[in-house]
Amino acid sequence: MIETTGDDRYFPPALADVARVEFDYGDEGEGVDFEPYDAFDSAEETTDWLRHWTGNHELDGGAYRVFGQDGTGGLAAIWYARPGRPLTEQPVVFMGSEGECGVVAGDLSGFLWVLADGFGPMEAALYEEREARPDAALVKLAERHATTPRRPAREIIIEAQAEFATFAEGLDELCR
């Protein structure tokens, strides 16, 4: 069981604001494939999803707070990887519908800057060569909620992926 803080089901105001954004996928897929939720999936939904994703029906989803998806059903989640730290200081991850996965940002603040640079969770986790496409509305949203200074998305993503370099391996070990 994952040790969490008392804020583990509280939906952060920043994510509530993100949920009001309509992401444009674009005609050729050059946009952002992200459909944010206005609340976390329930613990039961998250556990059910994780069990199906891994084929391991002994798991519980306590380490994840799912808050959005892409068009294929891949999920964006906050991952409790830093015991005892608040929800907003946990990394954001992506787990695709076909088993692909990756770390998106080291914390919620970094995730807001990644969005502001035109990367959704899937694009950040899976497409290293993608170029930034800043979005003025998301820059303003990040400026309102982020607790860290603005940095380029690629820098945030690379730093988070280095810090949590074993994320994919850890998920693979859970699979049956």
N, C-alpha and C. Protein backbone atom coordinates (compact mmCIF):
# COMPACT_ATOMS: atom_id res chain seq x y z
N MET A 1 0.84 -1.18 0.00
CA MET A 1 0.00 0.00 0.00
C MET A 1 0.89 1.25 0.00
N ILE A 2 0.52 2.22 -0.76
CA ILE A 2 1.28 3.46 -0.88
C ILE A 2 0.88 4.42 0.23
N GLU A 3 1.87 4.98 0.90
CA GLU A 3 1.59 6.00 1.92
C GLU A 3 1.35 7.32 1.21
N THR A 4 0.20 7.90 1.46
CA THR A 4 -0.15 9.18 0.84
C THR A 4 -0.44 10.20 1.92
N THR A 5 -0.56 11.44 1.50
CA THR A 5 -0.91 12.49 2.44
C THR A 5 -2.42 12.67 2.41
N GLY A 6 -2.95 13.50 3.27
CA GLY A 6 -4.39 13.71 3.36
C GLY A 6 -5.01 14.33 2.13
N ASP A 7 -4.20 14.85 1.22
CA ASP A 7 -4.73 15.54 0.04
C ASP A 7 -4.84 14.61 -1.17
N ASP A 8 -4.77 13.31 -0.95
CA ASP A 8 -4.62 12.39 -2.07
C ASP A 8 -5.82 12.29 -3.01
N ARG A 9 -7.00 12.71 -2.64
CA ARG A 9 -8.17 12.68 -3.54
C ARG A 9 -8.70 14.09 -3.82
N TYR A 10 -8.02 15.09 -3.28
CA TYR A 10 -8.41 16.48 -3.52
C TYR A 10 -7.93 16.89 -4.91
N PHE A 11 -8.84 17.30 -5.78
CA PHE A 11 -8.49 17.68 -7.15
C PHE A 11 -7.91 19.09 -7.12
N PRO A 12 -6.65 19.26 -7.47
CA PRO A 12 -6.00 20.57 -7.38
C PRO A 12 -6.67 21.61 -8.30
N PRO A 13 -6.76 22.85 -7.85
CA PRO A 13 -7.34 23.91 -8.67
C PRO A 13 -6.68 24.02 -10.05
N ALA A 14 -5.39 23.77 -10.13
CA ALA A 14 -4.71 23.85 -11.43
C ALA A 14 -5.29 22.82 -12.40
N LEU A 15 -5.53 21.59 -11.93
CA LEU A 15 -6.11 20.58 -12.81
C LEU A 15 -7.56 20.89 -13.13
N ALA A 16 -8.27 21.51 -12.20
CA ALA A 16 -9.65 21.93 -12.49
C ALA A 16 -9.65 22.95 -13.62
N ASP A 17 -8.69 23.87 -13.61
CA ASP A 17 -8.58 24.84 -14.70
C ASP A 17 -8.17 24.16 -16.01
N VAL A 18 -7.26 23.20 -15.94
CA VAL A 18 -6.86 22.46 -17.14
C VAL A 18 -8.08 21.74 -17.73
N ALA A 19 -8.96 21.22 -16.87
CA ALA A 19 -10.14 20.49 -17.33
C ALA A 19 -11.08 21.36 -18.16
N ARG A 20 -10.99 22.67 -17.99
CA ARG A 20 -11.84 23.59 -18.75
C ARG A 20 -11.25 23.96 -20.11
N VAL A 21 -10.03 23.49 -20.39
CA VAL A 21 -9.36 23.78 -21.65
C VAL A 21 -9.79 22.76 -22.70
N GLU A 22 -10.10 23.24 -23.88
CA GLU A 22 -10.38 22.32 -24.99
C GLU A 22 -9.11 22.21 -25.83
N PHE A 23 -8.50 21.04 -25.80
CA PHE A 23 -7.26 20.82 -26.53
C PHE A 23 -7.58 20.50 -27.98
N ASP A 24 -6.82 21.12 -28.88
CA ASP A 24 -7.03 20.95 -30.32
C ASP A 24 -6.04 19.92 -30.84
N TYR A 25 -6.58 18.80 -31.33
CA TYR A 25 -5.73 17.76 -31.87
C TYR A 25 -5.18 18.14 -33.24
N GLY A 26 -5.87 18.97 -33.98
CA GLY A 26 -5.40 19.40 -35.29
C GLY A 26 -5.76 18.41 -36.38
N ASP A 27 -5.68 18.86 -37.62
CA ASP A 27 -6.03 18.03 -38.77
C ASP A 27 -5.04 16.90 -39.02
N GLU A 28 -3.79 17.15 -38.78
CA GLU A 28 -2.75 16.16 -39.06
C GLU A 28 -2.12 15.60 -37.79
N GLY A 29 -2.80 15.75 -36.67
CA GLY A 29 -2.25 15.26 -35.42
C GLY A 29 -1.14 16.13 -34.87
N GLU A 30 -1.04 17.37 -35.36
CA GLU A 30 0.04 18.24 -34.89
C GLU A 30 -0.32 18.93 -33.58
N GLY A 31 -1.54 18.74 -33.11
CA GLY A 31 -1.99 19.37 -31.86
C GLY A 31 -1.69 18.49 -30.66
N VAL A 32 -2.56 18.57 -29.68
CA VAL A 32 -2.40 17.85 -28.42
C VAL A 32 -3.56 16.87 -28.26
N ASP A 33 -3.25 15.60 -28.12
CA ASP A 33 -4.25 14.55 -27.94
C ASP A 33 -4.44 14.34 -26.44
N PHE A 34 -5.29 15.18 -25.84
CA PHE A 34 -5.49 15.12 -24.39
C PHE A 34 -6.91 15.55 -24.06
N GLU A 35 -7.57 14.73 -23.27
CA GLU A 35 -8.92 15.01 -22.79
C GLU A 35 -8.86 15.00 -21.26
N PRO A 36 -8.70 16.18 -20.64
CA PRO A 36 -8.59 16.22 -19.17
C PRO A 36 -9.94 15.95 -18.50
N TYR A 37 -9.88 15.37 -17.33
CA TYR A 37 -11.07 15.13 -16.52
C TYR A 37 -11.26 16.29 -15.55
N ASP A 38 -12.48 16.39 -14.99
CA ASP A 38 -12.73 17.44 -14.00
C ASP A 38 -12.69 16.89 -12.57
N ALA A 39 -12.26 15.64 -12.42
CA ALA A 39 -12.05 15.00 -11.12
C ALA A 39 -11.18 13.77 -11.36
N PHE A 40 -10.55 13.29 -10.29
CA PHE A 40 -9.78 12.05 -10.41
C PHE A 40 -10.74 10.88 -10.59
N ASP A 41 -10.30 9.88 -11.35
CA ASP A 41 -11.03 8.62 -11.36
C ASP A 41 -11.10 8.11 -9.92
N SER A 42 -12.13 7.35 -9.60
CA SER A 42 -12.25 6.80 -8.25
C SER A 42 -11.14 5.77 -8.02
N ALA A 43 -10.91 5.47 -6.77
CA ALA A 43 -9.92 4.44 -6.42
C ALA A 43 -10.28 3.11 -7.06
N GLU A 44 -11.57 2.80 -7.09
CA GLU A 44 -12.03 1.54 -7.67
C GLU A 44 -11.76 1.51 -9.17
N GLU A 45 -12.09 2.61 -9.87
CA GLU A 45 -11.84 2.67 -11.31
C GLU A 45 -10.36 2.54 -11.62
N THR A 46 -9.54 3.22 -10.83
CA THR A 46 -8.10 3.19 -11.05
C THR A 46 -7.55 1.78 -10.82
N THR A 47 -7.99 1.12 -9.77
CA THR A 47 -7.55 -0.24 -9.50
C THR A 47 -7.98 -1.18 -10.62
N ASP A 48 -9.22 -1.06 -11.05
CA ASP A 48 -9.72 -1.91 -12.14
C ASP A 48 -8.89 -1.70 -13.41
N TRP A 49 -8.64 -0.45 -13.74
CA TRP A 49 -7.84 -0.13 -14.92
C TRP A 49 -6.43 -0.71 -14.80
N LEU A 50 -5.75 -0.50 -13.66
CA LEU A 50 -4.38 -0.97 -13.49
C LEU A 50 -4.31 -2.50 -13.57
N ARG A 51 -5.28 -3.16 -13.01
CA ARG A 51 -5.30 -4.63 -13.08
C ARG A 51 -5.44 -5.11 -14.53
N HIS A 52 -6.28 -4.45 -15.28
CA HIS A 52 -6.43 -4.83 -16.69
C HIS A 52 -5.21 -4.45 -17.51
N TRP A 53 -4.63 -3.30 -17.24
CA TRP A 53 -3.47 -2.82 -17.99
C TRP A 53 -2.28 -3.75 -17.79
N THR A 54 -2.11 -4.26 -16.56
CA THR A 54 -0.96 -5.10 -16.25
C THR A 54 -1.28 -6.59 -16.35
N GLY A 55 -2.55 -6.95 -16.32
CA GLY A 55 -2.91 -8.36 -16.26
C GLY A 55 -2.68 -8.96 -14.87
N ASN A 56 -2.38 -8.10 -13.90
CA ASN A 56 -2.08 -8.54 -12.53
C ASN A 56 -3.26 -8.14 -11.65
N HIS A 57 -4.09 -9.11 -11.31
CA HIS A 57 -5.32 -8.82 -10.58
C HIS A 57 -5.14 -8.77 -9.07
N GLU A 58 -3.88 -8.73 -8.63
CA GLU A 58 -3.59 -8.59 -7.20
C GLU A 58 -3.23 -7.15 -6.84
N LEU A 59 -3.07 -6.30 -7.83
CA LEU A 59 -2.66 -4.90 -7.59
C LEU A 59 -3.82 -4.04 -7.13
N ASP A 60 -3.46 -2.94 -6.47
CA ASP A 60 -4.44 -1.89 -6.28
C ASP A 60 -3.87 -0.63 -6.92
N GLY A 61 -4.72 0.31 -7.23
CA GLY A 61 -4.29 1.51 -7.94
C GLY A 61 -3.93 2.66 -7.04
N GLY A 62 -3.63 2.38 -5.77
CA GLY A 62 -3.39 3.43 -4.79
C GLY A 62 -2.26 4.39 -5.13
N ALA A 63 -1.35 4.00 -5.99
CA ALA A 63 -0.22 4.86 -6.33
C ALA A 63 -0.54 5.88 -7.42
N TYR A 64 -1.75 5.82 -7.99
CA TYR A 64 -2.08 6.67 -9.14
C TYR A 64 -3.35 7.46 -8.92
N ARG A 65 -3.36 8.69 -9.44
CA ARG A 65 -4.55 9.54 -9.49
C ARG A 65 -4.74 9.91 -10.96
N VAL A 66 -5.64 9.21 -11.62
CA VAL A 66 -5.87 9.40 -13.06
C VAL A 66 -6.70 10.66 -13.27
N PHE A 67 -6.22 11.55 -14.18
CA PHE A 67 -6.91 12.81 -14.39
C PHE A 67 -7.15 13.17 -15.85
N GLY A 68 -6.90 12.25 -16.77
CA GLY A 68 -7.16 12.54 -18.18
C GLY A 68 -6.77 11.38 -19.06
N GLN A 69 -7.11 11.51 -20.34
CA GLN A 69 -6.80 10.45 -21.28
C GLN A 69 -6.53 11.03 -22.66
N ASP A 70 -5.97 10.18 -23.51
CA ASP A 70 -5.83 10.56 -24.92
C ASP A 70 -6.96 9.90 -25.69
N GLY A 71 -7.02 10.10 -27.00
CA GLY A 71 -8.10 9.59 -27.81
C GLY A 71 -8.18 8.08 -27.91
N THR A 72 -7.08 7.39 -27.59
CA THR A 72 -7.09 5.92 -27.66
C THR A 72 -7.37 5.28 -26.31
N GLY A 73 -7.47 6.09 -25.28
CA GLY A 73 -7.72 5.55 -23.95
C GLY A 73 -6.48 5.49 -23.07
N GLY A 74 -5.33 5.95 -23.57
CA GLY A 74 -4.15 6.06 -22.72
C GLY A 74 -4.42 7.07 -21.62
N LEU A 75 -3.88 6.85 -20.43
CA LEU A 75 -4.22 7.68 -19.27
C LEU A 75 -3.06 8.53 -18.76
N ALA A 76 -3.42 9.73 -18.30
CA ALA A 76 -2.50 10.62 -17.60
C ALA A 76 -2.81 10.51 -16.12
N ALA A 77 -1.76 10.42 -15.31
CA ALA A 77 -1.97 10.24 -13.87
C ALA A 77 -0.87 10.91 -13.08
N ILE A 78 -1.21 11.25 -11.87
CA ILE A 78 -0.20 11.63 -10.89
C ILE A 78 0.19 10.33 -10.20
N TRP A 79 1.49 10.10 -10.08
CA TRP A 79 2.04 8.87 -9.53
C TRP A 79 2.68 9.18 -8.18
N TYR A 80 2.21 8.54 -7.12
CA TYR A 80 2.80 8.74 -5.80
C TYR A 80 4.13 8.01 -5.73
N ALA A 81 5.18 8.72 -6.09
CA ALA A 81 6.52 8.14 -6.11
C ALA A 81 7.42 8.73 -5.03
N ARG A 82 6.94 9.80 -4.40
CA ARG A 82 7.72 10.47 -3.35
C ARG A 82 6.92 10.35 -2.04
N PRO A 83 7.19 9.31 -1.26
CA PRO A 83 6.41 9.07 -0.04
C PRO A 83 6.39 10.29 0.88
N GLY A 84 5.17 10.57 1.39
CA GLY A 84 5.00 11.65 2.35
C GLY A 84 4.94 13.04 1.77
N ARG A 85 5.14 13.18 0.47
CA ARG A 85 5.11 14.51 -0.15
C ARG A 85 3.70 14.79 -0.68
N PRO A 86 3.33 16.06 -0.77
CA PRO A 86 1.98 16.41 -1.26
C PRO A 86 1.76 15.98 -2.71
N LEU A 87 0.50 15.85 -3.04
CA LEU A 87 0.08 15.47 -4.38
C LEU A 87 0.74 16.32 -5.46
N THR A 88 0.81 17.62 -5.25
CA THR A 88 1.34 18.53 -6.27
C THR A 88 2.84 18.36 -6.48
N GLU A 89 3.52 17.64 -5.59
CA GLU A 89 4.96 17.41 -5.72
C GLU A 89 5.27 16.02 -6.26
N GLN A 90 4.26 15.31 -6.74
CA GLN A 90 4.45 13.97 -7.30
C GLN A 90 4.57 14.07 -8.81
N PRO A 91 5.25 13.12 -9.44
CA PRO A 91 5.41 13.15 -10.89
C PRO A 91 4.11 12.84 -11.64
N VAL A 92 4.05 13.35 -12.85
CA VAL A 92 2.95 13.07 -13.76
C VAL A 92 3.45 12.06 -14.78
N VAL A 93 2.64 11.03 -15.03
CA VAL A 93 3.03 9.95 -15.94
C VAL A 93 1.93 9.69 -16.96
N PHE A 94 2.32 8.99 -18.02
CA PHE A 94 1.38 8.59 -19.06
C PHE A 94 1.50 7.08 -19.25
N MET A 95 0.34 6.42 -19.36
CA MET A 95 0.31 4.98 -19.63
C MET A 95 -0.64 4.75 -20.79
N GLY A 96 -0.07 4.39 -21.93
CA GLY A 96 -0.83 4.27 -23.16
C GLY A 96 -1.68 3.03 -23.26
N SER A 97 -2.60 3.07 -24.20
CA SER A 97 -3.54 1.96 -24.38
C SER A 97 -2.88 0.71 -24.94
N GLU A 98 -1.69 0.84 -25.50
CA GLU A 98 -0.98 -0.31 -26.07
C GLU A 98 0.24 -0.71 -25.25
N GLY A 99 0.29 -0.27 -23.98
CA GLY A 99 1.38 -0.65 -23.10
C GLY A 99 2.55 0.32 -23.06
N GLU A 100 2.53 1.34 -23.91
CA GLU A 100 3.61 2.32 -23.84
C GLU A 100 3.42 3.20 -22.61
N CYS A 101 4.52 3.72 -22.08
CA CYS A 101 4.42 4.55 -20.88
C CYS A 101 5.63 5.45 -20.77
N GLY A 102 5.50 6.47 -19.95
CA GLY A 102 6.61 7.37 -19.72
C GLY A 102 6.30 8.44 -18.71
N VAL A 103 7.34 9.05 -18.20
CA VAL A 103 7.22 10.15 -17.25
C VAL A 103 7.07 11.43 -18.04
N VAL A 104 6.14 12.27 -17.63
CA VAL A 104 5.82 13.52 -18.32
C VAL A 104 6.49 14.71 -17.64
N ALA A 105 6.40 14.79 -16.32
CA ALA A 105 6.96 15.92 -15.56
C ALA A 105 7.20 15.47 -14.12
N GLY A 106 8.10 16.14 -13.45
CA GLY A 106 8.45 15.78 -12.08
C GLY A 106 7.44 16.20 -11.04
N ASP A 107 6.55 17.10 -11.40
CA ASP A 107 5.52 17.56 -10.47
C ASP A 107 4.43 18.29 -11.24
N LEU A 108 3.39 18.70 -10.55
CA LEU A 108 2.27 19.35 -11.21
C LEU A 108 2.68 20.67 -11.83
N SER A 109 3.52 21.42 -11.17
CA SER A 109 3.98 22.69 -11.71
C SER A 109 4.70 22.49 -13.05
N GLY A 110 5.59 21.51 -13.09
CA GLY A 110 6.29 21.20 -14.34
C GLY A 110 5.32 20.77 -15.42
N PHE A 111 4.30 20.00 -15.04
CA PHE A 111 3.30 19.56 -16.01
C PHE A 111 2.59 20.76 -16.63
N LEU A 112 2.28 21.76 -15.84
CA LEU A 112 1.62 22.95 -16.38
C LEU A 112 2.48 23.65 -17.42
N TRP A 113 3.79 23.70 -17.18
CA TRP A 113 4.69 24.32 -18.16
C TRP A 113 4.83 23.44 -19.41
N VAL A 114 4.76 22.13 -19.24
CA VAL A 114 4.79 21.22 -20.39
C VAL A 114 3.56 21.47 -21.26
N LEU A 115 2.39 21.55 -20.64
CA LEU A 115 1.17 21.87 -21.39
C LEU A 115 1.30 23.22 -22.09
N ALA A 116 1.82 24.20 -21.38
CA ALA A 116 1.96 25.55 -21.95
C ALA A 116 2.84 25.56 -23.19
N ASP A 117 3.78 24.64 -23.26
CA ASP A 117 4.67 24.54 -24.42
C ASP A 117 4.09 23.68 -25.54
N GLY A 118 2.83 23.24 -25.37
CA GLY A 118 2.16 22.53 -26.44
C GLY A 118 2.33 21.03 -26.46
N PHE A 119 2.63 20.45 -25.31
CA PHE A 119 2.77 19.00 -25.18
C PHE A 119 1.68 18.47 -24.26
N GLY A 120 0.94 17.47 -24.73
CA GLY A 120 0.04 16.73 -23.84
C GLY A 120 0.84 15.62 -23.19
N PRO A 121 0.22 14.87 -22.29
CA PRO A 121 0.95 13.79 -21.62
C PRO A 121 1.54 12.76 -22.59
N MET A 122 0.76 12.34 -23.58
CA MET A 122 1.27 11.36 -24.54
C MET A 122 2.44 11.93 -25.34
N GLU A 123 2.29 13.14 -25.85
CA GLU A 123 3.35 13.74 -26.66
C GLU A 123 4.63 13.91 -25.86
N ALA A 124 4.49 14.32 -24.59
CA ALA A 124 5.66 14.52 -23.74
C ALA A 124 6.38 13.20 -23.45
N ALA A 125 5.60 12.17 -23.17
CA ALA A 125 6.20 10.89 -22.77
C ALA A 125 6.77 10.11 -23.94
N LEU A 126 6.19 10.27 -25.12
CA LEU A 126 6.55 9.35 -26.21
C LEU A 126 7.25 9.97 -27.41
N TYR A 127 7.20 11.28 -27.57
CA TYR A 127 7.74 11.88 -28.80
C TYR A 127 8.87 12.85 -28.49
N GLU A 128 10.08 12.31 -28.41
CA GLU A 128 11.26 13.11 -28.05
C GLU A 128 11.56 14.22 -29.05
N GLU A 129 11.26 14.00 -30.31
CA GLU A 129 11.62 14.96 -31.35
C GLU A 129 10.58 16.07 -31.57
N ARG A 130 9.47 15.97 -30.89
CA ARG A 130 8.41 16.96 -31.07
C ARG A 130 8.91 18.35 -30.67
N GLU A 131 8.56 19.32 -31.46
CA GLU A 131 8.94 20.71 -31.17
C GLU A 131 7.87 21.39 -30.34
N ALA A 132 8.29 22.35 -29.55
CA ALA A 132 7.36 23.12 -28.73
C ALA A 132 6.41 23.91 -29.61
N ARG A 133 5.18 24.01 -29.16
CA ARG A 133 4.14 24.80 -29.82
C ARG A 133 3.40 25.57 -28.73
N PRO A 134 4.01 26.62 -28.18
CA PRO A 134 3.41 27.32 -27.04
C PRO A 134 1.96 27.74 -27.30
N ASP A 135 1.17 27.66 -26.24
CA ASP A 135 -0.24 28.01 -26.27
C ASP A 135 -0.44 29.15 -25.27
N ALA A 136 -0.85 30.32 -25.75
CA ALA A 136 -0.96 31.51 -24.90
C ALA A 136 -1.90 31.30 -23.72
N ALA A 137 -3.03 30.65 -23.93
CA ALA A 137 -3.98 30.43 -22.84
C ALA A 137 -3.39 29.52 -21.77
N LEU A 138 -2.66 28.48 -22.21
CA LEU A 138 -2.04 27.58 -21.24
C LEU A 138 -0.84 28.20 -20.55
N VAL A 139 -0.16 29.12 -21.22
CA VAL A 139 0.91 29.87 -20.56
C VAL A 139 0.31 30.68 -19.41
N LYS A 140 -0.80 31.35 -19.66
CA LYS A 140 -1.46 32.14 -18.60
C LYS A 140 -1.93 31.25 -17.46
N LEU A 141 -2.46 30.07 -17.79
CA LEU A 141 -2.90 29.14 -16.76
C LEU A 141 -1.69 28.71 -15.91
N ALA A 142 -0.60 28.37 -16.55
CA ALA A 142 0.61 27.97 -15.82
C ALA A 142 1.13 29.12 -14.97
N GLU A 143 1.10 30.33 -15.50
CA GLU A 143 1.56 31.48 -14.72
C GLU A 143 0.72 31.68 -13.46
N ARG A 144 -0.57 31.36 -13.53
CA ARG A 144 -1.46 31.48 -12.36
C ARG A 144 -1.19 30.41 -11.32
N HIS A 145 -0.88 29.19 -11.75
CA HIS A 145 -0.83 28.07 -10.81
C HIS A 145 0.55 27.50 -10.53
N ALA A 146 1.48 27.63 -11.42
CA ALA A 146 2.79 27.00 -11.24
C ALA A 146 3.54 27.62 -10.07
N THR A 147 4.24 26.79 -9.36
CA THR A 147 5.04 27.25 -8.22
C THR A 147 6.53 27.30 -8.57
N THR A 148 6.84 26.99 -9.82
CA THR A 148 8.22 27.03 -10.30
C THR A 148 8.29 27.95 -11.51
N PRO A 149 9.47 28.50 -11.78
CA PRO A 149 9.60 29.38 -12.94
C PRO A 149 9.43 28.61 -14.25
N ARG A 150 9.06 29.34 -15.28
CA ARG A 150 8.89 28.73 -16.60
C ARG A 150 10.22 28.19 -17.11
N ARG A 151 10.17 26.99 -17.66
CA ARG A 151 11.31 26.37 -18.32
C ARG A 151 10.79 25.68 -19.57
N PRO A 152 11.65 25.42 -20.53
CA PRO A 152 11.20 24.70 -21.73
C PRO A 152 10.70 23.30 -21.37
N ALA A 153 9.64 22.88 -22.05
CA ALA A 153 9.05 21.57 -21.79
C ALA A 153 10.08 20.46 -21.91
N ARG A 154 10.88 20.47 -22.95
CA ARG A 154 11.85 19.39 -23.17
C ARG A 154 12.78 19.27 -21.97
N GLU A 155 13.20 20.38 -21.38
CA GLU A 155 14.07 20.36 -20.20
C GLU A 155 13.35 19.71 -19.01
N ILE A 156 12.10 20.06 -18.80
CA ILE A 156 11.30 19.50 -17.70
C ILE A 156 11.13 18.00 -17.89
N ILE A 157 10.81 17.59 -19.11
CA ILE A 157 10.57 16.18 -19.42
C ILE A 157 11.84 15.36 -19.22
N ILE A 158 12.95 15.83 -19.77
CA ILE A 158 14.22 15.10 -19.66
C ILE A 158 14.64 14.95 -18.20
N GLU A 159 14.50 16.02 -17.43
CA GLU A 159 14.86 15.98 -16.01
C GLU A 159 14.00 14.96 -15.26
N ALA A 160 12.69 14.97 -15.51
CA ALA A 160 11.79 14.04 -14.83
C ALA A 160 12.07 12.60 -15.25
N GLN A 161 12.32 12.38 -16.53
CA GLN A 161 12.60 11.03 -17.01
C GLN A 161 13.91 10.51 -16.44
N ALA A 162 14.86 11.38 -16.21
CA ALA A 162 16.12 10.95 -15.59
C ALA A 162 15.90 10.62 -14.11
N GLU A 163 15.12 11.44 -13.42
CA GLU A 163 14.87 11.19 -11.99
C GLU A 163 14.10 9.88 -11.78
N PHE A 164 13.18 9.59 -12.68
CA PHE A 164 12.34 8.39 -12.54
C PHE A 164 12.62 7.42 -13.69
N ALA A 165 13.90 7.16 -13.89
CA ALA A 165 14.36 6.37 -15.03
C ALA A 165 13.85 4.93 -15.01
N THR A 166 13.44 4.42 -13.86
CA THR A 166 12.99 3.03 -13.77
C THR A 166 11.46 2.90 -13.80
N PHE A 167 10.75 3.97 -14.12
CA PHE A 167 9.29 3.93 -14.14
C PHE A 167 8.76 2.81 -15.03
N ALA A 168 9.19 2.78 -16.29
CA ALA A 168 8.70 1.77 -17.23
C ALA A 168 9.08 0.36 -16.78
N GLU A 169 10.31 0.18 -16.30
CA GLU A 169 10.74 -1.13 -15.82
C GLU A 169 9.89 -1.58 -14.64
N GLY A 170 9.59 -0.66 -13.75
CA GLY A 170 8.76 -0.98 -12.59
C GLY A 170 7.37 -1.44 -13.00
N LEU A 171 6.80 -0.77 -14.00
CA LEU A 171 5.49 -1.19 -14.50
C LEU A 171 5.58 -2.55 -15.17
N ASP A 172 6.63 -2.75 -15.95
CA ASP A 172 6.81 -4.05 -16.62
C ASP A 172 6.87 -5.20 -15.61
N GLU A 173 7.51 -4.95 -14.47
CA GLU A 173 7.63 -5.98 -13.43
C GLU A 173 6.28 -6.33 -12.82
N LEU A 174 5.32 -5.42 -12.90
CA LEU A 174 3.97 -5.68 -12.36
C LEU A 174 3.12 -6.50 -13.31
N CYS A 175 3.53 -6.53 -14.58
CA CYS A 175 2.72 -7.21 -15.60
C CYS A 175 2.80 -8.72 -15.47
N ARG A 176 1.69 -9.36 -15.81
CA ARG A 176 1.62 -10.83 -15.79
C ARG A 176 1.38 -11.35 -17.17
